[in-house]
Amino acid sequence: MKQNKYDDLGFFEKYSQMPRSVGGLNAAGEWSALRAMLPELRDKRVLDLGCGFGWHCRYAREQQARSVVGVDLSEKMLTQARDYTNDSAIEYRRLAIEDIEFQAGEFDVVLSSLALHYVDQFDVVCRKVHQYLVTGGTFVLSVEHPIFTAHAAQDWHYGAQGERLHWPVDNYQDEGFRQTQFLDHDVVKYHRTIANYMNTLINAGFRMKEISEPQPAQEILAMSSEMRDELRRPMFLIIAAVKE
């Protein structure tokens, strides 16, 4: 299933008001951890899968990447990305992540931020990325943590006074389709175990380099008292893998 909620006007308007949509990478709680896992980008050819507003594409060029291709299925997201971008070395293409087609060895670095939990055929994407990377190239991806995606409700368990008691984890081993709510809209996500993510990458020919279950940066925690609850369970999983 190739889902394109971001071209729904109501959904897109709500997404555009999120802190990370307004403030960019510095407003994304996982950014400092993801940035630390990226390789040297100078003179690299970079592919961003699910590029959204193009924040990571522009960051790559700030780090003097040679060229960047950003892929997204949403025309509204790409329109915004193009409006924010004034750089001929960045190209945006409208494609589903599963449908990407590039030359073997066309990229040195592939990254994907919070997009692949919307993709059903993760194994297909991993094999394609492996093909499109040079030997020694790096694939860095972030997804919603499997502890976060296991239970379709994706919400806290509350006490009688509305206090957050705990984050429920259920059906962890039951992988696949989840119908959940995001920004008051029905959204489809795909739950996978940590082992599934890692083994799929290994089976595609990657070597695991680094794994992170990041806490929000201190400046993010300072924005809201509710953000302190993000320390109670991991929300993100970040993996850096290298093509052997």
Foldseek 3Di string as FASTA:
>chain_A
DQDDCCQVVLVVVLVCPDQCNVVPLVLDQCNVVLVVLDDQQAQWEEEEEQCFLPRVVVVSVVSHHQAYEYEEQYPVRVVNNVVVDDDPRYHYDHDHLLPDDDAFQQGQEYEYEADCQQPQCPLSSLLRVLRNHDAFGKYKYKHWALQQPQDLASDFDADPVRHGDARDHPNSVVWFWHFYDDSNDTGIGTHDHPCVVVVSNVVSQKAWDDKDQDQGDPVNCVVDVVSVCCVRDGGMIMTMIGHD
